[in-house]
Amino acid sequence: MECGGTTSEAQATAFRCVQCGIPIKTLYVQYSPGNIRLMKCENCKAVADEYIECEIMILIIDLILHKPKAYRHLFYNMFSKETLNHEGLLWKSILGFLILDAYGTLVLSTYERESNANVTSLLWDFGKMFAGVFFRNLVFFCVMFLGARKFLNSPAGLYGCKDILLGILVSSYFKIFLVATMVWDFPSSVIFIIDLFVISSNTVALEVITYSEMIRCLAVCIMAHSVKFMVGQGLSNYPLKLVM
């Protein structure tokens, strides 16, 4: 994947062309309310961001299809830094990510024990699992950061830890499908299928953020998720009774 522009140019603007990823100053020109003209990228000569005129459902479908241009629109063009509280979004994403991960662990644990547990025991188990989930995800993100810095080639200063953290959190949106297990009964294999979709989505997000090759991003994601799995398996030998 080619990235035009220098690091200083990348830091000077928050917008990117969704086709080639180079920084651009503006996405469209507005002549009057509802009357806009989309700008073209000087590098690839294509429309810089066609998602501006698309319905949100089109964006969601393209995110599910793992199209890099949809991720670029989401990360760089959907909200400007002036209108979005990045710190607030980051903390909310962390909380939601941990809750969904803990719930997935709780669902898996129920498959391996009697189903006559009461609400109190479930809440107690959830609290213990949440502590274990926090620890293994801390290890997971540390491995992700180190792997990105070590194996992913990108101009220095183009992205930071917060960018990678937010990208991984947002691209883990497939975990929201765990909520469906509250309504319908699914085999435990469904949770592992969701995890596979999360890994693939994390890979595309990492590719978009770091401008690295897909195979390198996939290797880093597999390494981080594998370490997370092994840490979860190790914690299962302790009284927390975690099941990855």
C-alpha atoms as a PDB file:
ATOM      1  CA  MET A   1       0.000   0.000   0.000  1.00  0.00           C
ATOM      2  CA  GLU A   2       1.411   3.348  -1.005  1.00  0.00           C
ATOM      3  CA  CYS A   3       1.148   6.413   1.140  1.00  0.00           C
ATOM      4  CA  GLY A   4       1.829   9.816  -0.323  1.00  0.00           C
ATOM      5  CA  GLY A   5       2.763  12.871   1.648  1.00  0.00           C
ATOM      6  CA  THR A   6       5.241  13.448   4.436  1.00  0.00           C
ATOM      7  CA  THR A   7       4.796  13.028   8.152  1.00  0.00           C
ATOM      8  CA  SER A   8       4.388  16.752   8.667  1.00  0.00           C
ATOM      9  CA  GLU A   9       1.646  16.828   6.046  1.00  0.00           C
ATOM     10  CA  ALA A  10      -0.097  13.895   7.745  1.00  0.00           C
ATOM     11  CA  GLN A  11      -0.097  15.725  11.058  1.00  0.00           C
ATOM     12  CA  ALA A  12      -1.331  18.984   9.488  1.00  0.00           C
ATOM     13  CA  THR A  13      -4.693  17.546   8.413  1.00  0.00           C
ATOM     14  CA  ALA A  14      -7.066  14.969   9.799  1.00  0.00           C
ATOM     15  CA  PHE A  15      -8.597  14.014   6.431  1.00  0.00           C
ATOM     16  CA  ARG A  16      -7.409  11.214   4.120  1.00  0.00           C
ATOM     17  CA  CYS A  17      -8.300  10.003   0.656  1.00  0.00           C
ATOM     18  CA  VAL A  18     -10.146   6.725   1.163  1.00  0.00           C
ATOM     19  CA  GLN A  19      -8.712   5.301  -2.061  1.00  0.00           C
ATOM     20  CA  CYS A  20      -4.951   5.794  -1.605  1.00  0.00           C
ATOM     21  CA  GLY A  21      -4.734   7.114   1.963  1.00  0.00           C
ATOM     22  CA  ILE A  22      -2.756  10.320   1.418  1.00  0.00           C
ATOM     23  CA  PRO A  23      -3.610  13.398   3.526  1.00  0.00           C
ATOM     24  CA  ILE A  24      -5.882  15.973   1.907  1.00  0.00           C
ATOM     25  CA  LYS A  25      -6.974  19.403   3.050  1.00  0.00           C
ATOM     26  CA  THR A  26     -10.695  19.172   2.328  1.00  0.00           C
ATOM     27  CA  LEU A  27     -13.177  16.505   1.293  1.00  0.00           C
ATOM     28  CA  TYR A  28     -15.815  18.688  -0.355  1.00  0.00           C
ATOM     29  CA  VAL A  29     -16.833  22.225  -1.187  1.00  0.00           C
ATOM     30  CA  GLN A  30     -20.243  23.386  -0.003  1.00  0.00           C
ATOM     31  CA  TYR A  31     -21.941  25.981  -2.204  1.00  0.00           C
ATOM     32  CA  SER A  32     -25.228  26.044  -0.281  1.00  0.00           C
ATOM     33  CA  PRO A  33     -27.027  23.823   2.247  1.00  0.00           C
ATOM     34  CA  GLY A  34     -27.398  20.416   0.596  1.00  0.00           C
ATOM     35  CA  ASN A  35     -25.355  21.462  -2.430  1.00  0.00           C
ATOM     36  CA  ILE A  36     -21.795  20.132  -2.237  1.00  0.00           C
ATOM     37  CA  ARG A  37     -19.096  19.056  -4.660  1.00  0.00           C
ATOM     38  CA  LEU A  38     -16.825  16.206  -3.660  1.00  0.00           C
ATOM     39  CA  MET A  39     -13.131  16.898  -4.089  1.00  0.00           C
ATOM     40  CA  LYS A  40     -10.802  14.635  -6.053  1.00  0.00           C
ATOM     41  CA  CYS A  41      -7.505  13.345  -4.746  1.00  0.00           C
ATOM     42  CA  GLU A  42      -4.471  14.894  -6.425  1.00  0.00           C
ATOM     43  CA  ASN A  43      -2.591  11.600  -6.120  1.00  0.00           C
ATOM     44  CA  CYS A  44      -5.016   8.957  -7.454  1.00  0.00           C
ATOM     45  CA  LYS A  45      -7.387  11.360  -9.280  1.00  0.00           C
ATOM     46  CA  ALA A  46     -10.412   9.598  -7.745  1.00  0.00           C
ATOM     47  CA  VAL A  47     -13.098  11.107  -5.531  1.00  0.00           C
ATOM     48  CA  ALA A  48     -11.449  11.528  -2.133  1.00  0.00           C
ATOM     49  CA  ASP A  49     -14.364  10.172  -0.093  1.00  0.00           C
ATOM     50  CA  GLU A  50     -17.582   9.006  -1.746  1.00  0.00           C
ATOM     51  CA  TYR A  51     -19.001   7.878   1.607  1.00  0.00           C
ATOM     52  CA  ILE A  52     -19.934  11.485   2.376  1.00  0.00           C
ATOM     53  CA  GLU A  53     -22.940  11.116   0.096  1.00  0.00           C
ATOM     54  CA  CYS A  54     -23.733   7.506   1.079  1.00  0.00           C
ATOM     55  CA  GLU A  55     -26.154   6.193   3.657  1.00  0.00           C
ATOM     56  CA  ILE A  56     -24.672   4.867   6.892  1.00  0.00           C
ATOM     57  CA  MET A  57     -25.858   1.365   5.957  1.00  0.00           C
ATOM     58  CA  ILE A  58     -23.529   1.382   2.930  1.00  0.00           C
ATOM     59  CA  LEU A  59     -20.622   2.158   5.244  1.00  0.00           C
ATOM     60  CA  ILE A  60     -21.622  -0.624   7.648  1.00  0.00           C
ATOM     61  CA  ILE A  61     -21.840  -3.149   4.808  1.00  0.00           C
ATOM     62  CA  ASP A  62     -18.410  -2.143   3.500  1.00  0.00           C
ATOM     63  CA  LEU A  63     -16.953  -2.400   7.010  1.00  0.00           C
ATOM     64  CA  ILE A  64     -18.327  -5.926   7.310  1.00  0.00           C
ATOM     65  CA  LEU A  65     -16.832  -6.691   3.875  1.00  0.00           C
ATOM     66  CA  HIS A  66     -13.469  -5.431   5.226  1.00  0.00           C
ATOM     67  CA  LYS A  67     -12.957  -2.731   2.587  1.00  0.00           C
ATOM     68  CA  PRO A  68      -9.938  -0.582   3.588  1.00  0.00           C
ATOM     69  CA  LYS A  69     -11.534   2.569   2.189  1.00  0.00           C
ATOM     70  CA  ALA A  70     -14.465   2.173   4.590  1.00  0.00           C
ATOM     71  CA  TYR A  71     -12.037   1.955   7.509  1.00  0.00           C
ATOM     72  CA  ARG A  72     -10.189   5.076   6.289  1.00  0.00           C
ATOM     73  CA  HIS A  73     -13.464   6.979   6.177  1.00  0.00           C
ATOM     74  CA  LEU A  74     -14.343   5.794   9.672  1.00  0.00           C
ATOM     75  CA  PHE A  75     -10.956   6.550  11.245  1.00  0.00           C
ATOM     76  CA  TYR A  76     -10.048   9.798   9.498  1.00  0.00           C
ATOM     77  CA  ASN A  77     -13.011  11.448   7.775  1.00  0.00           C
ATOM     78  CA  MET A  78     -16.217  10.567   9.611  1.00  0.00           C
ATOM     79  CA  PHE A  79     -15.587  12.850  12.563  1.00  0.00           C
ATOM     80  CA  SER A  80     -13.172  15.742  12.829  1.00  0.00           C
ATOM     81  CA  LYS A  81     -10.998  16.254  15.887  1.00  0.00           C
ATOM     82  CA  GLU A  82     -12.854  19.487  16.575  1.00  0.00           C
ATOM     83  CA  THR A  83     -16.264  17.805  16.851  1.00  0.00           C
ATOM     84  CA  LEU A  84     -15.269  14.494  18.437  1.00  0.00           C
ATOM     85  CA  ASN A  85     -13.992  13.931  21.961  1.00  0.00           C
ATOM     86  CA  HIS A  86     -11.302  11.349  21.188  1.00  0.00           C
ATOM     87  CA  GLU A  87     -10.429  10.808  24.843  1.00  0.00           C
ATOM     88  CA  GLY A  88     -14.062  10.160  25.738  1.00  0.00           C
ATOM     89  CA  LEU A  89     -14.521   7.826  22.776  1.00  0.00           C
ATOM     90  CA  LEU A  90     -11.345   5.961  23.736  1.00  0.00           C
ATOM     91  CA  TRP A  91     -12.454   5.287  27.317  1.00  0.00           C
ATOM     92  CA  LYS A  92     -15.969   4.302  26.252  1.00  0.00           C
ATOM     93  CA  SER A  93     -14.536   1.933  23.646  1.00  0.00           C
ATOM     94  CA  ILE A  94     -12.222   0.354  26.232  1.00  0.00           C
ATOM     95  CA  LEU A  95     -15.104  -0.186  28.651  1.00  0.00           C
ATOM     96  CA  GLY A  96     -17.373  -1.651  25.976  1.00  0.00           C
ATOM     97  CA  PHE A  97     -14.586  -3.887  24.673  1.00  0.00           C
ATOM     98  CA  LEU A  98     -13.839  -5.292  28.146  1.00  0.00           C
ATOM     99  CA  ILE A  99     -17.503  -5.861  28.979  1.00  0.00           C
ATOM    100  CA  LEU A 100     -18.147  -7.749  25.734  1.00  0.00           C
ATOM    101  CA  ASP A 101     -14.961  -9.783  26.141  1.00  0.00           C
ATOM    102  CA  ALA A 102     -15.887 -10.676  29.721  1.00  0.00           C
ATOM    103  CA  TYR A 103     -19.392 -11.610  28.627  1.00  0.00           C
ATOM    104  CA  GLY A 104     -17.989 -13.874  25.897  1.00  0.00           C
ATOM    105  CA  THR A 105     -15.823 -15.602  28.503  1.00  0.00           C
ATOM    106  CA  LEU A 106     -18.840 -15.993  30.792  1.00  0.00           C
ATOM    107  CA  VAL A 107     -20.907 -17.524  27.986  1.00  0.00           C
ATOM    108  CA  LEU A 108     -18.135 -20.016  27.224  1.00  0.00           C
ATOM    109  CA  SER A 109     -17.845 -20.971  30.888  1.00  0.00           C
ATOM    110  CA  THR A 110     -21.558 -21.768  31.083  1.00  0.00           C
ATOM    111  CA  TYR A 111     -21.134 -24.438  28.422  1.00  0.00           C
ATOM    112  CA  GLU A 112     -18.773 -26.355  30.715  1.00  0.00           C
ATOM    113  CA  ARG A 113     -20.779 -26.369  33.915  1.00  0.00           C
ATOM    114  CA  GLU A 114     -24.307 -27.042  35.075  1.00  0.00           C
ATOM    115  CA  SER A 115     -26.887 -24.576  33.826  1.00  0.00           C
ATOM    116  CA  ASN A 116     -28.688 -24.272  37.208  1.00  0.00           C
ATOM    117  CA  ALA A 117     -26.493 -21.429  38.468  1.00  0.00           C
ATOM    118  CA  ASN A 118     -28.450 -18.535  39.954  1.00  0.00           C
ATOM    119  CA  VAL A 119     -28.110 -14.844  39.133  1.00  0.00           C
ATOM    120  CA  THR A 120     -25.899 -14.112  42.148  1.00  0.00           C
ATOM    121  CA  SER A 121     -23.317 -16.731  41.200  1.00  0.00           C
ATOM    122  CA  LEU A 122     -23.336 -15.521  37.613  1.00  0.00           C
ATOM    123  CA  LEU A 123     -22.663 -11.941  38.727  1.00  0.00           C
ATOM    124  CA  TRP A 124     -19.868 -13.126  41.026  1.00  0.00           C
ATOM    125  CA  ASP A 125     -18.299 -15.161  38.223  1.00  0.00           C
ATOM    126  CA  PHE A 126     -18.618 -12.190  35.884  1.00  0.00           C
ATOM    127  CA  GLY A 127     -16.743  -9.965  38.340  1.00  0.00           C
ATOM    128  CA  LYS A 128     -13.892 -12.455  38.697  1.00  0.00           C
ATOM    129  CA  MET A 129     -13.739 -12.985  34.962  1.00  0.00           C
ATOM    130  CA  PHE A 130     -13.673  -9.257  34.307  1.00  0.00           C
ATOM    131  CA  ALA A 131     -10.478  -8.961  36.373  1.00  0.00           C
ATOM    132  CA  GLY A 132      -8.878 -11.758  34.355  1.00  0.00           C
ATOM    133  CA  VAL A 133     -10.130 -10.285  31.090  1.00  0.00           C
ATOM    134  CA  PHE A 134      -8.597  -6.930  32.005  1.00  0.00           C
ATOM    135  CA  PHE A 135      -5.200  -8.516  32.608  1.00  0.00           C
ATOM    136  CA  ARG A 136      -5.092 -10.620  29.447  1.00  0.00           C
ATOM    137  CA  ASN A 137      -6.250  -7.697  27.308  1.00  0.00           C
ATOM    138  CA  LEU A 138      -3.558  -5.523  28.863  1.00  0.00           C
ATOM    139  CA  VAL A 139      -1.033  -8.125  27.710  1.00  0.00           C
ATOM    140  CA  PHE A 140      -2.788  -8.301  24.340  1.00  0.00           C
ATOM    141  CA  PHE A 141      -2.478  -4.572  23.640  1.00  0.00           C
ATOM    142  CA  CYS A 142       1.133  -4.481  24.859  1.00  0.00           C
ATOM    143  CA  VAL A 143       2.010  -7.237  22.383  1.00  0.00           C
ATOM    144  CA  MET A 144       0.043  -5.417  19.667  1.00  0.00           C
ATOM    145  CA  PHE A 145       1.938  -2.156  20.265  1.00  0.00           C
ATOM    146  CA  LEU A 146       5.331  -3.863  20.365  1.00  0.00           C
ATOM    147  CA  GLY A 147       4.541  -5.929  17.278  1.00  0.00           C
ATOM    148  CA  ALA A 148       3.396  -2.856  15.352  1.00  0.00           C
ATOM    149  CA  ARG A 149       6.566  -0.938  16.224  1.00  0.00           C
ATOM    150  CA  LYS A 150       8.851  -3.875  15.529  1.00  0.00           C
ATOM    151  CA  PHE A 151       7.420  -5.476  12.393  1.00  0.00           C
ATOM    152  CA  LEU A 152       5.296  -2.835  10.670  1.00  0.00           C
ATOM    153  CA  ASN A 153       7.196  -0.382   8.504  1.00  0.00           C
ATOM    154  CA  SER A 154       5.803   3.122   8.566  1.00  0.00           C
ATOM    155  CA  PRO A 155       7.194   6.673   8.569  1.00  0.00           C
ATOM    156  CA  ALA A 156       8.166   7.666  12.107  1.00  0.00           C
ATOM    157  CA  GLY A 157       5.512   9.695  13.883  1.00  0.00           C
ATOM    158  CA  LEU A 158       2.735   8.866  11.418  1.00  0.00           C
ATOM    159  CA  TYR A 159       0.735   7.025  14.067  1.00  0.00           C
ATOM    160  CA  GLY A 160       0.895   6.572  17.817  1.00  0.00           C
ATOM    161  CA  CYS A 161      -0.226   4.126  20.477  1.00  0.00           C
ATOM    162  CA  LYS A 162      -3.563   5.902  20.860  1.00  0.00           C
ATOM    163  CA  ASP A 163      -4.246   5.536  17.139  1.00  0.00           C
ATOM    164  CA  ILE A 164      -3.540   1.803  17.239  1.00  0.00           C
ATOM    165  CA  LEU A 165      -5.534   1.355  20.455  1.00  0.00           C
ATOM    166  CA  LEU A 166      -8.597   3.161  19.130  1.00  0.00           C
ATOM    167  CA  GLY A 167      -8.330   1.399  15.770  1.00  0.00           C
ATOM    168  CA  ILE A 168      -8.213  -2.058  17.361  1.00  0.00           C
ATOM    169  CA  LEU A 169     -11.066  -1.241  19.739  1.00  0.00           C
ATOM    170  CA  VAL A 170     -13.348   0.143  17.034  1.00  0.00           C
ATOM    171  CA  SER A 171     -12.507  -2.647  14.579  1.00  0.00           C
ATOM    172  CA  SER A 172     -13.532  -5.215  17.195  1.00  0.00           C
ATOM    173  CA  TYR A 173     -17.176  -4.285  16.575  1.00  0.00           C
ATOM    174  CA  PHE A 174     -17.966  -7.925  15.700  1.00  0.00           C
ATOM    175  CA  LYS A 175     -17.988  -8.599  19.449  1.00  0.00           C
ATOM    176  CA  ILE A 176     -21.361  -6.843  19.571  1.00  0.00           C
ATOM    177  CA  PHE A 177     -22.880 -10.011  18.091  1.00  0.00           C
ATOM    178  CA  LEU A 178     -22.225 -11.670  21.459  1.00  0.00           C
ATOM    179  CA  VAL A 179     -25.311  -9.799  22.668  1.00  0.00           C
ATOM    180  CA  ALA A 180     -27.409 -12.137  20.490  1.00  0.00           C
ATOM    181  CA  THR A 181     -26.532 -15.001  22.838  1.00  0.00           C
ATOM    182  CA  MET A 182     -28.737 -13.317  25.439  1.00  0.00           C
ATOM    183  CA  VAL A 183     -31.756 -14.033  23.250  1.00  0.00           C
ATOM    184  CA  TRP A 184     -30.901 -17.123  21.219  1.00  0.00           C
ATOM    185  CA  ASP A 185     -29.010 -20.288  22.065  1.00  0.00           C
ATOM    186  CA  PHE A 186     -25.838 -20.762  20.044  1.00  0.00           C
ATOM    187  CA  PRO A 187     -23.133 -23.436  20.140  1.00  0.00           C
ATOM    188  CA  SER A 188     -19.842 -22.354  21.687  1.00  0.00           C
ATOM    189  CA  SER A 189     -18.203 -22.483  18.250  1.00  0.00           C
ATOM    190  CA  VAL A 190     -20.053 -19.271  17.324  1.00  0.00           C
ATOM    191  CA  ILE A 191     -17.905 -17.327  19.801  1.00  0.00           C
ATOM    192  CA  PHE A 192     -14.724 -18.591  18.165  1.00  0.00           C
ATOM    193  CA  ILE A 193     -16.124 -17.646  14.747  1.00  0.00           C
ATOM    194  CA  ILE A 194     -16.736 -14.123  16.063  1.00  0.00           C
ATOM    195  CA  ASP A 195     -13.132 -14.050  17.291  1.00  0.00           C
ATOM    196  CA  LEU A 196     -11.932 -14.950  13.782  1.00  0.00           C
ATOM    197  CA  PHE A 197     -13.918 -12.052  12.329  1.00  0.00           C
ATOM    198  CA  VAL A 198     -12.415  -9.763  14.987  1.00  0.00           C
ATOM    199  CA  ILE A 199      -8.891 -10.841  14.001  1.00  0.00           C
ATOM    200  CA  SER A 200      -9.567 -10.189  10.314  1.00  0.00           C
ATOM    201  CA  SER A 201     -11.132  -6.805  11.071  1.00  0.00           C
ATOM    202  CA  ASN A 202      -8.210  -5.861  13.352  1.00  0.00           C
ATOM    203  CA  THR A 203      -5.851  -6.756  10.498  1.00  0.00           C
ATOM    204  CA  VAL A 204      -7.540  -4.378   8.061  1.00  0.00           C
ATOM    205  CA  ALA A 205      -7.622  -1.615  10.679  1.00  0.00           C
ATOM    206  CA  LEU A 206      -3.922  -2.081  11.406  1.00  0.00           C
ATOM    207  CA  GLU A 207      -3.156  -1.984   7.686  1.00  0.00           C
ATOM    208  CA  VAL A 208      -5.054   1.290   7.279  1.00  0.00           C
ATOM    209  CA  ILE A 209      -3.476   2.939  10.324  1.00  0.00           C
ATOM    210  CA  THR A 210       0.129   1.858   9.777  1.00  0.00           C
ATOM    211  CA  TYR A 211       0.261   1.720   5.944  1.00  0.00           C
ATOM    212  CA  SER A 212       1.926  -1.692   6.126  1.00  0.00           C
ATOM    213  CA  GLU A 213       1.481  -4.856   4.078  1.00  0.00           C
ATOM    214  CA  MET A 214      -1.548  -7.007   4.839  1.00  0.00           C
ATOM    215  CA  ILE A 215       0.555 -10.094   5.591  1.00  0.00           C
ATOM    216  CA  ARG A 216       2.626  -8.225   8.205  1.00  0.00           C
ATOM    217  CA  CYS A 217      -0.499  -6.844   9.881  1.00  0.00           C
ATOM    218  CA  LEU A 218      -2.065 -10.308   9.897  1.00  0.00           C
ATOM    219  CA  ALA A 219       1.051 -11.776  11.502  1.00  0.00           C
ATOM    220  CA  VAL A 220       1.028  -9.127  14.266  1.00  0.00           C
ATOM    221  CA  CYS A 221      -2.687  -9.660  14.956  1.00  0.00           C
ATOM    222  CA  ILE A 222      -2.347 -13.447  15.076  1.00  0.00           C
ATOM    223  CA  MET A 223       0.639 -13.119  17.406  1.00  0.00           C
ATOM    224  CA  ALA A 224      -1.214 -10.747  19.766  1.00  0.00           C
ATOM    225  CA  HIS A 225      -4.394 -12.828  19.819  1.00  0.00           C
ATOM    226  CA  SER A 226      -2.376 -16.027  20.334  1.00  0.00           C
ATOM    227  CA  VAL A 227      -0.620 -14.513  23.350  1.00  0.00           C
ATOM    228  CA  LYS A 228      -4.004 -13.392  24.666  1.00  0.00           C
ATOM    229  CA  PHE A 229      -5.332 -16.936  24.270  1.00  0.00           C
ATOM    230  CA  MET A 230      -2.331 -18.456  26.055  1.00  0.00           C
ATOM    231  CA  VAL A 231      -2.631 -15.960  28.916  1.00  0.00           C
ATOM    232  CA  GLY A 232      -6.313 -16.852  29.216  1.00  0.00           C
ATOM    233  CA  GLN A 233      -5.454 -20.537  29.304  1.00  0.00           C
ATOM    234  CA  GLY A 234      -2.841 -19.869  31.979  1.00  0.00           C
ATOM    235  CA  LEU A 235      -5.294 -17.936  34.110  1.00  0.00           C
ATOM    236  CA  SER A 236      -7.762 -20.818  33.868  1.00  0.00           C
ATOM    237  CA  ASN A 237      -5.457 -22.804  36.188  1.00  0.00           C
ATOM    238  CA  TYR A 238      -6.077 -20.271  38.965  1.00  0.00           C
ATOM    239  CA  PRO A 239      -9.157 -19.691  41.131  1.00  0.00           C
ATOM    240  CA  LEU A 240     -10.523 -17.138  38.660  1.00  0.00           C
ATOM    241  CA  LYS A 241     -11.640 -20.122  36.562  1.00  0.00           C
ATOM    242  CA  LEU A 242     -11.350 -18.264  33.303  1.00  0.00           C
ATOM    243  CA  VAL A 243     -12.124 -20.076  30.099  1.00  0.00           C
ATOM    244  CA  MET A 244     -10.842 -18.513  26.896  1.00  0.00           C
END
